Structures are given as C-alpha cells and as structure tokens.
C-alpha atoms as a PDB file:
ATOM      1  CA  MET A   1      83.335  12.114 179.668  1.00  0.00           C
ATOM      2  CA  THR A   2      82.761  14.247 176.547  1.00  0.00           C
ATOM      3  CA  GLN A   3      78.993  14.102 176.974  1.00  0.00           C
ATOM      4  CA  THR A   4      79.344  15.249 180.580  1.00  0.00           C
ATOM      5  CA  LEU A   5      81.459  18.235 179.476  1.00  0.00           C
ATOM      6  CA  MET A   6      78.905  19.082 176.798  1.00  0.00           C
ATOM      7  CA  ASP A   7      76.073  18.812 179.344  1.00  0.00           C
ATOM      8  CA  ARG A   8      77.920  21.116 181.761  1.00  0.00           C
ATOM      9  CA  ALA A   9      78.571  23.613 178.966  1.00  0.00           C
ATOM     10  CA  LEU A  10      74.880  23.588 177.992  1.00  0.00           C
ATOM     11  CA  ILE A  11      73.816  24.104 181.610  1.00  0.00           C
ATOM     12  CA  GLU A  12      76.264  26.962 182.127  1.00  0.00           C
ATOM     13  CA  GLU A  13      75.535  28.820 178.885  1.00  0.00           C
ATOM     14  CA  ALA A  14      71.770  28.412 179.095  1.00  0.00           C
ATOM     15  CA  THR A  15      71.653  29.514 182.733  1.00  0.00           C
ATOM     16  CA  LYS A  16      73.970  32.484 182.114  1.00  0.00           C
ATOM     17  CA  LYS A  17      71.813  33.784 179.278  1.00  0.00           C
ATOM     18  CA  SER A  18      68.415  33.212 180.836  1.00  0.00           C
ATOM     19  CA  GLY A  19      66.959  35.957 183.023  1.00  0.00           C
ATOM     20  CA  LEU A  20      64.777  33.510 184.952  1.00  0.00           C
ATOM     21  CA  ILE A  21      65.115  29.954 186.154  1.00  0.00           C
ATOM     22  CA  TRP A  22      62.363  27.721 187.499  1.00  0.00           C
ATOM     23  CA  VAL A  23      63.365  26.104 190.765  1.00  0.00           C
ATOM     24  CA  GLU A  24      61.491  23.081 192.110  1.00  0.00           C
ATOM     25  CA  GLY A  25      62.107  22.357 195.763  1.00  0.00           C
ATOM     26  CA  PRO A  26      62.080  18.923 197.374  1.00  0.00           C
ATOM     27  CA  GLN A  27      58.409  19.351 198.351  1.00  0.00           C
ATOM     28  CA  GLY A  28      57.372  19.784 194.697  1.00  0.00           C
ATOM     29  CA  ALA A  29      56.622  23.522 194.765  1.00  0.00           C
ATOM     30  CA  THR A  30      58.038  25.428 191.783  1.00  0.00           C
ATOM     31  CA  ARG A  31      58.791  29.124 191.431  1.00  0.00           C
ATOM     32  CA  SER A  32      60.474  31.300 188.824  1.00  0.00           C
ATOM     33  CA  LEU A  33      63.451  33.202 190.242  1.00  0.00           C
ATOM     34  CA  TRP A  34      65.861  35.757 188.860  1.00  0.00           C
ATOM     35  CA  HIS A  35      69.449  34.753 189.387  1.00  0.00           C
ATOM     36  CA  VAL A  36      73.058  35.302 188.462  1.00  0.00           C
ATOM     37  CA  TRP A  37      75.536  32.669 187.277  1.00  0.00           C
ATOM     38  CA  HIS A  38      78.788  32.980 189.189  1.00  0.00           C
ATOM     39  CA  ASP A  39      81.659  30.605 189.879  1.00  0.00           C
ATOM     40  CA  GLY A  40      79.986  27.513 188.398  1.00  0.00           C
ATOM     41  CA  ALA A  41      76.559  27.893 190.053  1.00  0.00           C
ATOM     42  CA  ALA A  42      73.338  29.896 189.992  1.00  0.00           C
ATOM     43  CA  TYR A  43      72.868  32.271 192.938  1.00  0.00           C
ATOM     44  CA  VAL A  44      69.468  33.565 194.044  1.00  0.00           C
ATOM     45  CA  VAL A  45      68.471  35.991 196.775  1.00  0.00           C
ATOM     46  CA  GLY A  46      65.125  35.959 198.553  1.00  0.00           C
ATOM     47  CA  GLY A  47      63.393  37.365 201.578  1.00  0.00           C
ATOM     48  CA  PRO A  48      61.643  40.584 202.624  1.00  0.00           C
ATOM     49  CA  GLY A  49      61.661  43.048 199.734  1.00  0.00           C
ATOM     50  CA  GLU A  50      63.025  40.402 197.368  1.00  0.00           C
ATOM     51  CA  GLN A  51      61.650  37.342 195.593  1.00  0.00           C
ATOM     52  CA  PRO A  52      59.903  34.839 197.890  1.00  0.00           C
ATOM     53  CA  LEU A  53      61.778  31.615 198.625  1.00  0.00           C
ATOM     54  CA  ASP A  54      59.365  30.372 201.296  1.00  0.00           C
ATOM     55  CA  GLY A  55      57.345  27.316 200.375  1.00  0.00           C
ATOM     56  CA  LEU A  56      60.087  25.853 198.190  1.00  0.00           C
ATOM     57  CA  GLY A  57      61.784  24.034 201.057  1.00  0.00           C
ATOM     58  CA  LEU A  58      65.294  25.008 199.959  1.00  0.00           C
ATOM     59  CA  THR A  59      67.673  24.178 202.782  1.00  0.00           C
ATOM     60  CA  ASP A  60      71.439  24.178 203.096  1.00  0.00           C
ATOM     61  CA  GLY A  61      72.650  20.762 201.933  1.00  0.00           C
ATOM     62  CA  GLY A  62      69.355  19.935 200.206  1.00  0.00           C
ATOM     63  CA  THR A  63      68.575  19.462 196.535  1.00  0.00           C
ATOM     64  CA  ALA A  64      66.398  21.164 193.950  1.00  0.00           C
ATOM     65  CA  THR A  65      65.628  20.822 190.259  1.00  0.00           C
ATOM     66  CA  VAL A  66      66.367  23.809 188.036  1.00  0.00           C
ATOM     67  CA  THR A  67      64.709  24.277 184.647  1.00  0.00           C
ATOM     68  CA  VAL A  68      66.144  26.865 182.284  1.00  0.00           C
ATOM     69  CA  ARG A  69      64.307  28.523 179.429  1.00  0.00           C
ATOM     70  CA  SER A  70      65.641  29.488 176.036  1.00  0.00           C
ATOM     71  CA  LYS A  71      66.277  33.210 175.756  1.00  0.00           C
ATOM     72  CA  ASP A  72      65.166  33.181 172.105  1.00  0.00           C
ATOM     73  CA  LYS A  73      61.890  31.280 172.258  1.00  0.00           C
ATOM     74  CA  GLY A  74      61.144  31.165 175.994  1.00  0.00           C
ATOM     75  CA  GLY A  75      60.648  27.375 175.969  1.00  0.00           C
ATOM     76  CA  ARG A  76      62.356  24.904 178.292  1.00  0.00           C
ATOM     77  CA  LEU A  77      65.912  24.280 177.205  1.00  0.00           C
ATOM     78  CA  VAL A  78      67.525  22.186 179.931  1.00  0.00           C
ATOM     79  CA  SER A  79      66.671  20.850 183.376  1.00  0.00           C
ATOM     80  CA  TRP A  80      69.292  19.919 185.973  1.00  0.00           C
ATOM     81  CA  PRO A  81      69.508  18.730 189.577  1.00  0.00           C
ATOM     82  CA  ALA A  82      71.190  21.142 191.968  1.00  0.00           C
ATOM     83  CA  ARG A  83      72.810  20.983 195.370  1.00  0.00           C
ATOM     84  CA  VAL A  84      71.590  23.870 197.523  1.00  0.00           C
ATOM     85  CA  THR A  85      74.077  25.598 199.800  1.00  0.00           C
ATOM     86  CA  GLU A  86      73.754  28.787 201.817  1.00  0.00           C
ATOM     87  CA  PRO A  87      77.084  30.628 202.028  1.00  0.00           C
ATOM     88  CA  ALA A  88      77.995  32.161 205.397  1.00  0.00           C
ATOM     89  CA  VAL A  89      76.773  35.765 205.551  1.00  0.00           C
ATOM     90  CA  SER A  90      79.559  38.267 204.837  1.00  0.00           C
ATOM     91  CA  GLY A  91      81.993  35.440 204.074  1.00  0.00           C
ATOM     92  CA  GLU A  92      84.177  35.561 200.965  1.00  0.00           C
ATOM     93  CA  GLU A  93      81.774  33.470 198.824  1.00  0.00           C
ATOM     94  CA  TRP A  94      78.700  35.389 200.081  1.00  0.00           C
ATOM     95  CA  THR A  95      80.332  38.773 199.399  1.00  0.00           C
ATOM     96  CA  ALA A  96      81.319  37.803 195.848  1.00  0.00           C
ATOM     97  CA  ALA A  97      77.841  36.417 195.104  1.00  0.00           C
ATOM     98  CA  ALA A  98      76.087  39.429 196.650  1.00  0.00           C
ATOM     99  CA  GLY A  99      78.211  41.751 194.519  1.00  0.00           C
ATOM    100  CA  GLU A 100      77.154  39.899 191.366  1.00  0.00           C
ATOM    101  CA  LEU A 101      73.500  39.814 192.455  1.00  0.00           C
ATOM    102  CA  LYS A 102      73.555  43.531 193.277  1.00  0.00           C
ATOM    103  CA  GLY A 103      74.607  44.263 189.703  1.00  0.00           C
ATOM    104  CA  LYS A 104      71.610  42.341 188.340  1.00  0.00           C
ATOM    105  CA  ARG A 105      69.034  43.653 190.844  1.00  0.00           C
ATOM    106  CA  LEU A 106      66.734  46.077 189.045  1.00  0.00           C
ATOM    107  CA  ASN A 107      64.851  48.945 190.703  1.00  0.00           C
ATOM    108  CA  ALA A 108      66.145  48.341 194.204  1.00  0.00           C
ATOM    109  CA  PRO A 109      64.687  50.949 196.566  1.00  0.00           C
ATOM    110  CA  ASP A 110      67.881  50.954 198.638  1.00  0.00           C
ATOM    111  CA  ALA A 111      70.587  50.287 196.054  1.00  0.00           C
ATOM    112  CA  GLU A 112      73.359  51.849 198.141  1.00  0.00           C
ATOM    113  CA  ARG A 113      72.849  49.576 201.147  1.00  0.00           C
ATOM    114  CA  ILE A 114      71.205  46.576 199.504  1.00  0.00           C
ATOM    115  CA  THR A 115      73.914  44.082 200.500  1.00  0.00           C
ATOM    116  CA  GLU A 116      73.620  45.199 204.132  1.00  0.00           C
ATOM    117  CA  ARG A 117      69.871  44.561 203.995  1.00  0.00           C
ATOM    118  CA  TRP A 118      70.440  41.172 202.386  1.00  0.00           C
ATOM    119  CA  ALA A 119      72.899  40.250 205.136  1.00  0.00           C
ATOM    120  CA  ALA A 120      70.385  41.203 207.838  1.00  0.00           C
ATOM    121  CA  GLU A 121      67.059  40.035 206.357  1.00  0.00           C
ATOM    122  CA  CYS A 122      67.486  37.816 203.281  1.00  0.00           C
ATOM    123  CA  ARG A 123      68.977  34.518 202.164  1.00  0.00           C
ATOM    124  CA  VAL A 124      71.520  34.091 199.374  1.00  0.00           C
ATOM    125  CA  LEU A 125      71.503  30.539 198.022  1.00  0.00           C
ATOM    126  CA  ARG A 126      73.914  28.739 195.706  1.00  0.00           C
ATOM    127  CA  LEU A 127      72.407  26.188 193.300  1.00  0.00           C
ATOM    128  CA  GLU A 128      75.273  24.079 191.987  1.00  0.00           C
ATOM    129  CA  PRO A 129      74.686  21.496 189.230  1.00  0.00           C
ATOM    130  CA  LEU A 130      75.173  17.918 190.416  1.00  0.00           C
ATOM    131  CA  PRO A 131      77.468  15.649 188.394  1.00  0.00           C
ATOM    132  CA  ASP A 132      74.579  13.531 187.038  1.00  0.00           C
ATOM    133  CA  ALA A 133      73.062  16.558 185.270  1.00  0.00           C
ATOM    134  CA  PRO A 134      71.062  17.231 183.127  1.00  0.00           C
ATOM    135  CA  HIS A 135      67.653  15.662 183.641  1.00  0.00           C
ATOM    136  CA  PRO A 136      65.311  14.919 180.777  1.00  0.00           C
ATOM    137  CA  LEU A 137      62.813  17.704 180.236  1.00  0.00           C
ATOM    138  CA  PRO A 138      59.474  17.164 181.984  1.00  0.00           C
ATOM    139  CA  ASP A 139      56.317  16.357 180.057  1.00  0.00           C
ATOM    140  CA  GLY A 140      53.424  18.782 180.147  1.00  0.00           C
ATOM    141  CA  SER A 141      53.333  22.552 180.392  1.00  0.00           C
ATOM    142  CA  LEU A 142      54.109  22.947 184.117  1.00  0.00           C
ATOM    143  CA  ALA A 143      51.904  26.056 184.008  1.00  0.00           C
ATOM    144  CA  ALA A 144      50.798  27.292 187.429  1.00  0.00           C
ATOM    145  CA  ARG A 145      48.616  30.102 188.676  1.00  0.00           C
ATOM    146  CA  PRO A 146      50.564  33.183 189.773  1.00  0.00           C
ATOM    147  CA  LEU A 147      51.055  33.732 193.482  1.00  0.00           C
ATOM    148  CA  PRO A 148      48.629  36.207 195.076  1.00  0.00           C
ATOM    149  CA  SER A 149      50.066  39.710 195.029  1.00  0.00           C
ATOM    150  CA  PRO A 150      48.885  43.265 195.643  1.00  0.00           C
ATOM    151  CA  ALA A 151      50.546  44.217 192.338  1.00  0.00           C
ATOM    152  CA  VAL A 152      47.591  43.990 189.967  1.00  0.00           C
ATOM    153  CA  THR A 153      47.456  45.224 186.397  1.00  0.00           C
ATOM    154  CA  ARG A 154      43.883  44.310 185.485  1.00  0.00           C
ATOM    155  CA  ARG A 155      41.461  47.109 186.173  1.00  0.00           C
ATOM    156  CA  PRO A 156      38.051  47.933 184.673  1.00  0.00           C
ATOM    157  CA  VAL A 157      38.229  49.906 181.444  1.00  0.00           C
ATOM    158  CA  PRO A 158      37.500  53.594 182.133  1.00  0.00           C
ATOM    159  CA  ALA A 159      34.023  54.568 180.936  1.00  0.00           C
ATOM    160  CA  ALA A 160      35.345  57.306 178.630  1.00  0.00           C
ATOM    161  CA  LEU A 161      37.941  55.132 176.883  1.00  0.00           C
ATOM    162  CA  PRO A 162      35.730  53.790 174.040  1.00  0.00           C
ATOM    163  CA  LYS A 163      34.630  57.340 173.241  1.00  0.00           C
ATOM    164  CA  LEU A 164      38.241  58.608 173.197  1.00  0.00           C
ATOM    165  CA  LEU A 165      39.377  55.745 170.972  1.00  0.00           C
ATOM    166  CA  GLY A 166      36.469  56.404 168.602  1.00  0.00           C
ATOM    167  CA  ARG A 167      37.499  60.045 168.215  1.00  0.00           C
ATOM    168  CA  ARG A 168      41.055  59.032 167.416  1.00  0.00           C
ATOM    169  CA  ARG A 169      39.920  56.635 164.698  1.00  0.00           C
ATOM    170  CA  ARG A 170      37.661  59.261 163.121  1.00  0.00           C
ATOM    171  CA  ALA A 171      40.483  61.833 163.159  1.00  0.00           C
ATOM    172  CA  ARG A 172      42.856  59.428 161.348  1.00  0.00           C
ATOM    173  CA  GLY A 173      40.268  58.295 158.828  1.00  0.00           C
END
C-alpha cells in the first residue's frame, strides 16, 4: 500500500513539473505532447492548429504508456500505463480541463476563442494512471526522427556571414 502511494506521488509530481510527456499509443507510435496535470490525470489537446494526435491510436477507453522526463536533467524519470478517456465536449470535466489547458497554451493565434475552436475541431484527452503504475523504464534511447514539418530552422549560411564575423573579431582584438 505504501509503495503504491509513493508511486502515485512520484507520477503526479513528475508529470506536474514536466513540460512534455512522451505518449506511446497501443500501436507503438510515440510522440511528445505538452499537457497539464489536473484532477489526478494528464490532459492533452490535439487537432488542427494544435499538436498532432493522429497516428497514436488513442481512443476513448483505450490505454497508452506515458513516460515523463526529469525537469532538471531531461532524462526519463518515470513511465506509467494510462487509461485514455475523452470527456464529453462542453461537459463539466471538459470545461475544467480546457480552462487549465488554455492557461498553459503558449502563442495561441486565437487566445480569446481557443476553447470554442477546441470544442469544434480538436480532441481533449484525459490520461489517467492505472493502479498498477509505474512501469519499469524502457531500455535504449527511444530516440526517433522528428515528424516532417514546414517549420524548418536549418538554412544555408549567408555568403556574407564569415566576412562579418571576421570583422567583429578583428575589431575586438
């Protein structure tokens, strides 16, 4: 009993403090997702304009495995099985979770009406730890290639950059 309480406390504190969780769906696909811890579970939102949930196979009543990183070092801290539920849109649970998620959503283009958009276009999912949590940490790095995205940061170095940097060094020296 005491170990179970300690495990639950570790899951809750680690998940609360971590900005990202890695969620593995029943089909084996894994994705990092931002979340909020509320009412004993992690809530995520996904869909158009939000983080992608497609490909994970998360369905209402299904299961997933959640891995949480350490906020200090960034390494895996705890892994736990979760029951996936999808609260009814605009219901009491959905409204409370959406309010918490809205507070954590950064740089929303439509911050004033974001919950309305989520209700119409997105999914809010509850990932609740199962009683037999936590799982042992997986072996290996679990590193995966990033998903294709139009948001690219690598560009060729401008031709004039080496010359500009050289001038700066000479001026300091």
